[in-house]
Amino acid sequence: MRPLLSLLLPAALLASPLAAAQDPSAPEAWDLTYDLRVGEQPVGTRTVTITFLPNDRRIIESYTELAVGLPGAAQWTMVHRASATTSAAGASFTSSVDENGTVREVQGRQRRDGSWMVSVVEGGTVRQDTVAAGRIDLSSLELLDPVRRRELTGRGTAGVLAAETGTLLSGPVQHRDEGVRTIGGQAVPVDVWTWTPESGAVTLSWSLDGVLVGYESAWMGKKLQAVLRDPPPRASLGDVAPVGDVIAQDVVEQEL
């Protein structure tokens, strides 16, 4: 069973901290690095850049490399590149996964009526689906979005479109607790939630500014974890708009 790797799982950086410091007009960007491990074994990294653009638009770029040794089997490897755009008009993403040499391309685009168009290309075949409005609340990449992630935490049950497979996973959402995690030697207050789709429970921890600081899920009888390497950035955007006001605006479907 494949884990929901895009949750635990980055692409070219859109704006460096140095450039932003030199140019006050440059968009704010968060650069995040996650260390991935199975049990106590390091198995890879995920790097993410979230760029905040005018008109409440955000671009999420994600790149993940994962290599896991399996008992009695060859090493399992995966490279995942993905990007998403979110704003007030909808959400869209493109995703490319190389899993042990097998490549899969996935695109998702939310239409103005709330439905989603999903395309998956794998093994020389193309699958295209239209998913009715109300079935998909967000894509897995949007769990990295400080605003759109509320489409999960604000519901009793959530449907999430997995960006690396193009499959829809649904399950109940539960607020576990509030606490403090040590990230990069710094104590960080966090809000912890559990989402339990058919593939197994996924635990997600966000900072008070909406930065995903860690997540974990069951994988082949073990626990796959991602932990933010450095203390999370602080939001400098003022009050974050309500979720209903923020979904992707100039959505452009790319050719697969």
Protein backbone atom coordinates (compact mmCIF):
# COMPACT_ATOMS: atom_id res chain seq x y z
CA MET A 1 0.00 0.00 0.00
CA ARG A 2 1.43 3.34 -1.00
CA PRO A 3 1.62 5.96 1.79
CA LEU A 4 0.20 9.39 1.11
CA LEU A 5 3.69 10.48 0.11
CA SER A 6 2.85 13.98 -0.98
CA LEU A 7 1.92 14.66 2.64
CA LEU A 8 5.31 13.44 3.73
CA LEU A 9 7.09 14.62 0.94
CA PRO A 10 9.78 19.97 -3.54
CA ALA A 11 11.24 22.12 -7.17
CA ALA A 12 13.08 25.29 -8.17
CA LEU A 13 12.97 28.04 -5.58
CA LEU A 14 10.98 31.05 -6.70
CA ALA A 15 12.60 33.64 -4.47
CA SER A 16 15.65 33.43 -2.25
CA PRO A 17 15.77 35.11 1.20
CA LEU A 18 18.69 37.23 -0.03
CA ALA A 19 16.75 38.50 -3.04
CA ALA A 20 13.76 39.30 -0.86
CA ALA A 21 15.98 41.25 1.52
CA GLN A 22 17.47 43.27 -1.31
CA ASP A 23 14.17 43.98 -3.03
CA PRO A 24 11.35 45.13 -0.71
CA SER A 25 8.86 44.60 -3.55
CA ALA A 26 9.74 40.90 -3.89
CA PRO A 27 6.95 38.54 -2.78
CA GLU A 28 7.25 36.91 0.61
CA ALA A 29 8.42 33.30 0.40
CA TRP A 30 8.78 30.53 2.94
CA ASP A 31 11.57 28.00 2.30
CA LEU A 32 11.02 24.79 4.27
CA THR A 33 13.08 21.60 4.55
CA TYR A 34 11.72 18.39 6.05
CA ASP A 35 13.76 15.38 7.15
CA LEU A 36 12.02 12.07 6.39
CA ARG A 37 12.49 8.88 8.35
CA VAL A 38 10.94 5.47 8.84
CA GLY A 39 11.20 4.59 12.50
CA GLU A 40 14.63 5.92 13.44
CA GLN A 41 16.10 5.47 9.94
CA PRO A 42 16.63 8.61 7.78
CA VAL A 43 15.17 7.89 4.34
CA GLY A 44 15.14 11.24 2.52
CA THR A 45 14.30 14.92 2.43
CA ARG A 46 11.54 17.17 1.21
CA THR A 47 12.05 20.84 0.33
CA VAL A 48 9.14 23.22 -0.11
CA THR A 49 8.83 26.86 -1.17
CA ILE A 50 5.59 28.74 -0.61
CA THR A 51 5.47 32.09 -2.42
CA PHE A 52 2.82 34.66 -1.49
CA LEU A 53 1.66 36.71 -4.48
CA PRO A 54 -0.77 39.65 -4.79
CA ASN A 55 -4.52 39.03 -4.73
CA ASP A 56 -4.24 36.26 -2.13
CA ARG A 57 -2.50 33.89 -4.52
CA ARG A 58 0.09 31.37 -3.37
CA ILE A 59 2.43 29.08 -5.29
CA ILE A 60 3.65 25.88 -3.63
CA GLU A 61 6.73 24.13 -5.05
CA SER A 62 7.72 20.75 -3.63
CA TYR A 63 10.58 18.32 -4.30
CA THR A 64 11.04 15.00 -2.47
CA GLU A 65 13.64 12.25 -2.62
CA LEU A 66 12.97 9.03 -0.73
CA ALA A 67 14.95 5.77 -0.57
CA VAL A 68 13.90 2.95 1.74
CA GLY A 69 15.51 -0.44 2.20
CA LEU A 70 12.89 -3.20 2.42
CA PRO A 71 13.59 -6.62 3.99
CA GLY A 72 14.11 -9.26 1.31
CA ALA A 73 13.63 -6.74 -1.52
CA ALA A 74 15.56 -4.18 -3.52
CA GLN A 75 15.65 -0.60 -2.25
CA TRP A 76 12.44 1.30 -2.94
CA THR A 77 13.08 4.80 -4.33
CA MET A 78 10.89 7.74 -5.25
CA VAL A 79 11.47 11.23 -6.63
CA HIS A 80 8.46 13.54 -6.54
CA ARG A 81 8.27 17.00 -8.14
CA ALA A 82 5.07 19.02 -7.78
CA SER A 83 3.69 22.54 -7.86
CA ALA A 84 0.32 23.99 -6.94
CA THR A 85 -1.42 27.34 -7.23
CA THR A 86 -4.16 28.44 -4.86
CA SER A 87 -6.30 31.56 -4.76
CA ALA A 88 -9.88 32.78 -4.75
CA ALA A 89 -10.94 31.12 -8.01
CA GLY A 90 -9.85 27.53 -7.40
CA ALA A 91 -6.77 25.35 -7.10
CA SER A 92 -4.57 23.52 -9.57
CA PHE A 93 -1.46 21.35 -9.46
CA THR A 94 0.94 19.36 -11.60
CA SER A 95 2.89 16.40 -10.26
CA SER A 96 5.57 14.03 -11.56
CA VAL A 97 6.54 10.88 -9.67
CA ASP A 98 9.40 8.51 -10.50
CA GLU A 99 8.80 5.41 -8.40
CA ASN A 100 11.51 2.77 -8.91
CA GLY A 101 11.90 3.94 -12.51
CA THR A 102 8.17 4.03 -13.26
CA VAL A 103 7.00 7.55 -14.08
CA ARG A 104 3.53 8.89 -13.35
CA GLU A 105 2.24 12.35 -14.31
CA VAL A 106 -0.79 13.79 -12.49
CA GLN A 107 -2.67 17.04 -13.05
CA GLY A 108 -5.61 18.38 -11.09
CA ARG A 109 -7.65 21.51 -11.69
CA GLN A 110 -10.56 22.81 -9.65
CA ARG A 111 -13.26 24.43 -11.78
CA ARG A 112 -15.39 27.40 -10.79
CA ASP A 113 -18.37 25.16 -9.99
CA GLY A 114 -16.25 23.31 -7.41
CA SER A 115 -15.76 20.14 -9.48
CA TRP A 116 -12.28 18.84 -10.30
CA MET A 117 -10.70 17.66 -13.54
CA VAL A 118 -8.03 15.01 -12.91
CA SER A 119 -5.61 13.53 -15.48
CA VAL A 120 -3.19 10.66 -14.85
CA VAL A 121 -0.60 9.43 -17.36
CA GLU A 122 1.21 6.20 -16.54
CA GLY A 123 2.58 3.30 -18.56
CA GLY A 124 1.48 4.79 -21.87
CA THR A 125 -2.15 5.13 -20.79
CA VAL A 126 -4.11 8.28 -19.98
CA ARG A 127 -6.97 8.44 -17.49
CA GLN A 128 -9.14 11.55 -17.26
CA ASP A 129 -11.89 12.02 -14.72
CA THR A 130 -14.27 14.76 -13.64
CA VAL A 131 -15.03 14.62 -9.92
CA ALA A 132 -18.29 16.23 -8.81
CA ALA A 133 -18.27 19.32 -6.59
CA GLY A 134 -18.20 18.55 -2.88
CA ARG A 135 -16.24 15.31 -3.10
CA ILE A 136 -12.73 16.86 -3.10
CA ASP A 137 -12.08 19.46 -0.41
CA LEU A 138 -8.41 20.05 -1.28
CA SER A 139 -5.36 18.39 -2.79
CA SER A 140 -2.64 16.91 -0.61
CA LEU A 141 -0.26 19.72 -1.66
CA GLU A 142 -2.67 22.25 -0.15
CA LEU A 143 -2.02 20.81 3.31
CA LEU A 144 1.16 22.91 3.06
CA ASP A 145 -0.90 26.07 2.43
CA PRO A 146 -1.43 28.10 5.64
CA VAL A 147 -4.92 29.10 4.48
CA ARG A 148 -6.22 26.17 2.43
CA ARG A 149 -5.27 23.60 5.08
CA ARG A 150 -8.37 24.83 6.96
CA GLU A 151 -10.44 23.02 4.34
CA LEU A 152 -9.34 19.92 6.24
CA THR A 153 -9.32 21.14 9.83
CA GLY A 154 -12.66 22.88 9.41
CA ARG A 155 -14.52 19.65 8.56
CA GLY A 156 -15.65 16.51 10.30
CA THR A 157 -14.85 14.48 7.18
CA ALA A 158 -12.49 15.51 4.36
CA GLY A 159 -11.82 14.31 0.83
CA VAL A 160 -8.22 14.84 -0.29
CA LEU A 161 -6.94 14.37 -3.84
CA ALA A 162 -3.51 12.71 -3.62
CA ALA A 163 -1.20 14.69 -5.92
CA GLU A 164 1.18 11.77 -6.51
CA THR A 165 -1.45 9.19 -7.54
CA GLY A 166 -4.54 11.14 -8.63
CA THR A 167 -6.71 9.13 -6.26
CA LEU A 168 -9.34 10.52 -3.90
CA LEU A 169 -8.96 9.59 -0.23
CA SER A 170 -11.70 10.39 2.27
CA GLY A 171 -12.00 10.02 6.01
CA PRO A 172 -12.89 11.61 9.34
CA VAL A 173 -10.91 14.52 10.78
CA GLN A 174 -10.24 14.90 14.50
CA HIS A 175 -8.52 17.60 16.54
CA ARG A 176 -6.04 15.72 18.74
CA ASP A 177 -4.45 18.37 20.91
CA GLU A 178 -2.45 21.56 21.21
CA GLY A 179 1.08 21.42 22.48
CA VAL A 180 4.72 22.36 21.94
CA ARG A 181 7.27 20.71 19.64
CA THR A 182 11.00 21.38 19.54
CA ILE A 183 11.95 22.36 15.98
CA GLY A 184 15.56 23.28 15.27
CA GLY A 185 16.20 23.74 18.99
CA GLN A 186 13.26 26.12 19.39
CA ALA A 187 9.99 25.44 21.24
CA VAL A 188 7.12 25.86 18.77
CA PRO A 189 3.42 25.85 19.81
CA VAL A 190 1.51 23.48 17.52
CA ASP A 191 -2.01 22.41 16.68
CA VAL A 192 -2.28 18.65 16.03
CA TRP A 193 -4.95 16.96 13.87
CA THR A 194 -5.57 13.41 12.69
CA TRP A 195 -7.16 12.57 9.35
CA THR A 196 -8.02 8.91 8.79
CA PRO A 197 -8.64 7.92 5.13
CA GLU A 198 -8.88 4.35 3.86
CA SER A 199 -5.07 4.10 3.62
CA GLY A 200 -4.58 4.72 7.37
CA ALA A 201 -4.30 7.55 9.87
CA VAL A 202 -2.30 10.67 9.00
CA THR A 203 -1.23 13.00 11.82
CA LEU A 204 -0.47 16.63 10.94
CA SER A 205 1.00 19.37 13.15
CA TRP A 206 0.79 23.07 12.23
CA SER A 207 2.34 26.10 13.90
CA LEU A 208 0.03 28.91 14.99
CA ASP A 209 0.94 30.71 11.72
CA GLY A 210 -0.20 27.71 9.67
CA VAL A 211 3.22 26.23 8.85
CA LEU A 212 3.14 22.46 8.58
CA VAL A 213 5.91 21.48 11.01
CA GLY A 214 5.49 17.71 10.93
CA TYR A 215 3.35 14.82 9.78
CA GLU A 216 3.34 11.03 9.91
CA SER A 217 1.46 8.05 8.50
CA ALA A 218 1.54 4.28 8.64
CA TRP A 219 3.57 2.66 5.86
CA MET A 220 4.15 -1.09 5.45
CA GLY A 221 3.66 -1.66 9.16
CA LYS A 222 6.02 1.17 10.10
CA LYS A 223 5.70 4.88 10.74
CA LEU A 224 6.79 7.29 8.03
CA GLN A 225 7.55 10.71 9.53
CA ALA A 226 8.47 14.17 8.25
CA VAL A 227 9.87 16.79 10.61
CA LEU A 228 10.65 20.42 9.77
CA ARG A 229 14.40 20.92 10.11
CA ASP A 230 14.47 24.61 11.17
CA PRO A 231 12.06 26.75 13.22
CA PRO A 232 9.03 27.77 11.13
CA PRO A 233 8.82 31.27 9.64
CA ARG A 234 6.47 33.81 11.15
CA ALA A 235 3.68 35.19 9.00
CA SER A 236 4.06 38.88 8.11
CA LEU A 237 0.87 39.11 6.08
CA GLY A 238 -1.46 40.35 8.81
CA ASP A 239 -4.74 38.55 9.35
CA VAL A 240 -5.15 35.56 7.09
CA ALA A 241 -8.27 35.70 4.95
CA PRO A 242 -11.08 33.20 5.64
CA VAL A 243 -10.73 29.93 3.77
CA GLY A 244 -13.78 30.62 1.65
CA ASP A 245 -12.09 33.70 0.23
CA VAL A 246 -8.92 31.91 -0.80
CA ILE A 247 -8.89 29.18 -3.46
CA ALA A 248 -6.48 29.52 -7.13
CA GLN A 249 -7.14 32.36 -9.54
CA ASP A 250 -5.48 32.28 -12.94
CA VAL A 251 -5.59 28.49 -13.14
CA VAL A 252 -3.73 27.23 -16.21
CA GLU A 253 -3.93 23.59 -17.24
CA GLN A 254 -0.58 22.38 -18.54
CA GLU A 255 -0.16 19.83 -21.30
CA LEU A 256 0.87 16.45 -19.98
